[in-house]
């Protein structure tokens, strides 16, 4: 590892003289490192550089995530919304708060921004199915709600989202930071509407399931 980091190149050659008729020749053969070892060293150097690039990328992403969520928290506080008052911003692509057996969250998806009510342990889909009984009511209050039963998983979710391309005022990739004001405004207003519509139903459903 020390040799790799300091890029020291050690080589040893074996010179073998021989004659062919009246001509003299010198055959030079590299013996240290052997060709296989040389290839290994080159591959190791490439992987080490790739690892450093990846680590730097992750470090930058983590920093941006924490910065973004802190700005969102400030926006929520200014709007008198205490959803994340007791939540610490962490380097994740989501941040949220628990409500009974569910979790309301703000999420950065690959191609969309999302607010959701997520059920992490809904193996029998009892939470989702009970919430689905009020689907028409919720859809009328907040058109565009998405319902994901996730039958192949133990979780399920109810969501409200916007694609990055469809967001009004969209101005670039999330990592660039140019679109942060628009995204934060969307998160603040969308969670307010989503929570006010969904939470009363969720509280009723939890009481009904306990009976």
Protein backbone atom coordinates (compact mmCIF):
# COMPACT_ATOMS: atom_id res chain seq x y z
CA UNK A 1 0.00 0.00 0.00
CA UNK A 2 2.80 2.43 0.85
CA UNK A 3 4.38 1.74 -2.54
CA UNK A 4 1.07 2.32 -4.30
CA UNK A 5 0.38 5.59 -2.52
CA UNK A 6 3.84 6.97 -3.32
CA UNK A 7 3.90 5.62 -6.87
CA UNK A 8 7.37 4.02 -6.58
CA UNK A 9 8.26 1.86 -9.57
CA UNK A 10 10.86 -0.85 -8.85
CA UNK A 11 12.11 -3.00 -11.71
CA UNK A 12 14.86 -5.64 -12.10
CA UNK A 13 16.15 -7.01 -15.41
CA UNK A 14 18.24 -10.05 -16.34
CA UNK A 15 20.64 -9.59 -19.25
CA UNK A 16 21.73 -12.74 -21.12
CA UNK A 17 24.42 -12.40 -23.82
CA UNK A 18 24.46 -14.81 -26.75
CA UNK A 19 25.97 -15.05 -30.18
CA UNK A 20 24.62 -15.97 -33.56
CA UNK A 21 27.38 -16.53 -36.06
CA UNK A 22 29.64 -13.50 -35.92
CA UNK A 23 26.95 -11.34 -34.27
CA UNK A 24 26.60 -10.76 -30.54
CA UNK A 25 23.27 -10.11 -28.90
CA UNK A 26 22.03 -9.19 -25.45
CA UNK A 27 18.66 -10.52 -24.35
CA UNK A 28 17.07 -8.36 -21.67
CA UNK A 29 14.26 -9.89 -19.61
CA UNK A 30 12.31 -8.19 -16.84
CA UNK A 31 12.18 -10.44 -13.81
CA UNK A 32 10.93 -8.05 -11.10
CA UNK A 33 8.09 -7.48 -11.19
CA UNK A 34 6.96 -10.35 -13.37
CA UNK A 35 4.37 -9.30 -16.00
CA UNK A 36 1.48 -10.69 -13.94
CA UNK A 37 2.57 -8.66 -10.92
CA UNK A 38 2.96 -5.53 -13.02
CA UNK A 39 -0.61 -5.92 -14.27
CA UNK A 40 -1.80 -6.40 -10.70
CA UNK A 41 -0.04 -3.24 -9.56
CA UNK A 42 -1.59 -1.23 -12.40
CA UNK A 43 -5.07 -2.58 -11.59
CA UNK A 44 -4.55 -1.81 -7.90
CA UNK A 45 -3.56 1.77 -8.68
CA UNK A 46 -6.63 2.26 -10.88
CA UNK A 47 -8.92 0.84 -8.20
CA UNK A 48 -7.31 3.02 -5.54
CA UNK A 49 -7.90 6.14 -7.64
CA UNK A 50 -11.51 5.09 -8.30
CA UNK A 51 -12.01 4.52 -4.58
CA UNK A 52 -10.72 8.00 -3.76
CA UNK A 53 -13.03 9.57 -6.37
CA UNK A 54 -16.02 7.61 -5.02
CA UNK A 55 -15.21 8.55 -1.42
CA UNK A 56 -14.95 12.22 -2.35
CA UNK A 57 -18.27 12.05 -4.20
CA UNK A 58 -19.98 10.44 -1.20
CA UNK A 59 -18.49 13.00 1.16
CA UNK A 60 -19.74 15.86 -1.01
CA UNK A 61 -23.21 14.28 -1.31
CA UNK A 62 -23.45 13.80 2.46
CA UNK A 63 -22.56 17.44 3.04
CA UNK A 64 -25.15 18.63 0.51
CA UNK A 65 -27.88 16.45 2.02
CA UNK A 66 -27.36 17.81 5.53
CA UNK A 67 -27.23 21.39 4.21
CA UNK A 68 -30.41 20.94 2.19
CA UNK A 69 -32.42 19.38 5.01
CA UNK A 70 -31.35 22.13 7.40
CA UNK A 71 -32.62 24.72 4.90
CA UNK A 72 -35.90 22.81 4.69
CA UNK A 73 -36.18 22.81 8.47
CA UNK A 74 -35.72 26.58 8.48
CA UNK A 75 -38.45 26.95 5.86
CA UNK A 76 -40.86 24.79 7.85
CA UNK A 77 -40.19 26.79 11.02
CA UNK A 78 -40.85 30.08 9.20
CA UNK A 79 -44.17 28.63 8.03
CA UNK A 80 -45.03 27.58 11.63
CA UNK A 81 -44.82 23.91 10.72
CA UNK A 82 -43.04 21.89 13.40
CA UNK A 83 -42.79 18.60 11.52
CA UNK A 84 -39.00 18.38 11.86
CA UNK A 85 -38.56 20.37 15.05
CA UNK A 86 -37.06 17.41 16.90
CA UNK A 87 -35.40 15.77 13.92
CA UNK A 88 -31.68 16.15 13.21
CA UNK A 89 -30.63 16.55 9.59
CA UNK A 90 -28.55 13.56 8.48
CA UNK A 91 -26.81 12.60 5.22
CA UNK A 92 -29.72 10.66 3.77
CA UNK A 93 -32.00 11.19 0.80
CA UNK A 94 -34.99 11.40 3.12
CA UNK A 95 -35.95 12.99 6.40
CA UNK A 96 -39.12 12.42 8.37
CA UNK A 97 -41.02 12.06 11.62
CA UNK A 98 -42.92 9.16 13.12
CA UNK A 99 -46.66 9.01 13.70
CA UNK A 100 -47.61 5.82 15.45
CA UNK A 101 -46.69 2.91 13.18
CA UNK A 102 -46.20 5.18 10.19
CA UNK A 103 -43.65 7.76 9.14
CA UNK A 104 -44.28 11.00 7.29
CA UNK A 105 -41.22 11.85 5.21
CA UNK A 106 -39.71 14.16 2.63
CA UNK A 107 -37.84 12.14 -0.01
CA UNK A 108 -35.48 12.88 -2.87
CA UNK A 109 -36.10 10.16 -5.45
CA UNK A 110 -34.09 9.55 -8.60
CA UNK A 111 -36.40 11.54 -10.86
CA UNK A 112 -38.88 13.09 -8.45
CA UNK A 113 -39.45 14.87 -5.15
CA UNK A 114 -41.88 13.16 -2.81
CA UNK A 115 -43.73 13.50 0.47
CA UNK A 116 -45.18 10.30 1.88
CA UNK A 117 -46.71 8.30 4.68
CA UNK A 118 -44.57 5.17 4.84
CA UNK A 119 -45.40 1.93 6.64
CA UNK A 120 -42.14 0.09 7.22
CA UNK A 121 -43.72 -2.99 8.80
CA UNK A 122 -46.94 -3.65 6.93
CA UNK A 123 -46.48 -7.35 6.15
CA UNK A 124 -50.19 -8.13 6.06
CA UNK A 125 -50.95 -4.78 4.42
CA UNK A 126 -53.44 -4.01 7.20
CA UNK A 127 -52.41 -0.35 7.42
CA UNK A 128 -52.49 0.21 3.69
CA UNK A 129 -55.77 -1.64 3.12
CA UNK A 130 -57.50 0.19 5.95
CA UNK A 131 -56.25 3.54 4.63
CA UNK A 132 -57.45 2.55 1.15
CA UNK A 133 -61.03 2.56 2.41
CA UNK A 134 -60.73 6.36 2.49
CA UNK A 135 -59.04 6.61 -0.90
CA UNK A 136 -61.87 8.44 -2.67
CA UNK A 137 -62.12 10.93 0.18
CA UNK A 138 -58.39 11.64 0.16
CA UNK A 139 -58.19 11.81 -3.62
CA UNK A 140 -60.94 14.41 -3.60
CA UNK A 141 -59.14 16.54 -1.01
CA UNK A 142 -55.69 16.21 -2.63
CA UNK A 143 -55.81 14.97 -6.25
CA UNK A 144 -52.72 13.14 -7.38
CA UNK A 145 -52.07 11.02 -4.28
CA UNK A 146 -50.26 7.80 -5.17
CA UNK A 147 -51.08 4.46 -3.55
CA UNK A 148 -48.35 1.82 -3.45
CA UNK A 149 -49.28 -1.45 -1.76
CA UNK A 150 -45.86 -2.95 -2.59
CA UNK A 151 -47.11 -6.54 -2.50
CA UNK A 152 -43.63 -8.05 -2.85
CA UNK A 153 -42.33 -6.14 0.17
CA UNK A 154 -43.23 -5.88 3.84
CA UNK A 155 -43.66 -2.11 3.49
CA UNK A 156 -46.23 0.11 1.76
CA UNK A 157 -46.71 3.82 1.17
CA UNK A 158 -49.08 6.62 0.31
CA UNK A 159 -47.33 9.43 -1.54
CA UNK A 160 -47.62 12.77 -3.25
CA UNK A 161 -44.85 13.68 -5.67
CA UNK A 162 -43.71 15.78 -8.60
CA UNK A 163 -41.19 14.82 -11.26
CA UNK A 164 -38.11 17.01 -11.54
CA UNK A 165 -39.02 17.96 -15.10
CA UNK A 166 -42.60 18.94 -14.20
CA UNK A 167 -41.69 21.15 -11.26
CA UNK A 168 -42.48 24.78 -11.98
CA UNK A 169 -39.29 26.83 -11.95
CA UNK A 170 -37.08 23.73 -12.21
CA UNK A 171 -33.57 24.96 -12.92
CA UNK A 172 -31.11 22.08 -12.76
CA UNK A 173 -29.92 18.92 -11.04
CA UNK A 174 -30.55 18.63 -7.34
CA UNK A 175 -26.83 18.49 -6.51
CA UNK A 176 -26.23 21.84 -8.23
CA UNK A 177 -28.28 23.67 -5.62
CA UNK A 178 -29.83 26.02 -8.20
CA UNK A 179 -33.26 24.45 -7.75
CA UNK A 180 -33.19 24.30 -3.94
CA UNK A 181 -35.48 27.31 -3.34
CA UNK A 182 -38.15 25.85 -5.66
CA UNK A 183 -37.82 22.36 -4.17
CA UNK A 184 -37.96 23.59 -0.58
CA UNK A 185 -41.06 25.69 -1.34
CA UNK A 186 -42.69 22.64 -2.94
CA UNK A 187 -41.82 20.41 0.02
CA UNK A 188 -43.12 22.93 2.55
CA UNK A 189 -46.47 23.47 0.85
CA UNK A 190 -46.96 19.86 -0.27
CA UNK A 191 -46.30 18.34 3.16
CA UNK A 192 -48.68 20.84 4.73
CA UNK A 193 -51.48 19.80 2.34
CA UNK A 194 -50.58 16.12 2.48
CA UNK A 195 -50.34 15.98 6.27
CA UNK A 196 -53.56 17.93 6.83
CA UNK A 197 -55.41 15.55 4.50
CA UNK A 198 -53.84 12.21 5.44
CA UNK A 199 -53.02 12.43 9.15
CA UNK A 200 -56.64 12.66 10.44
CA UNK A 201 -57.49 9.53 8.47
CA UNK A 202 -54.32 7.80 9.68
CA UNK A 203 -55.15 8.56 13.32
CA UNK A 204 -58.66 7.14 12.85
CA UNK A 205 -57.32 4.02 11.13
CA UNK A 206 -54.90 3.31 13.98
CA UNK A 207 -57.72 3.52 16.52
CA UNK A 208 -59.92 1.28 14.42
CA UNK A 209 -57.20 -1.35 14.08
CA UNK A 210 -56.69 -1.46 17.85
CA UNK A 211 -60.32 -2.38 18.52
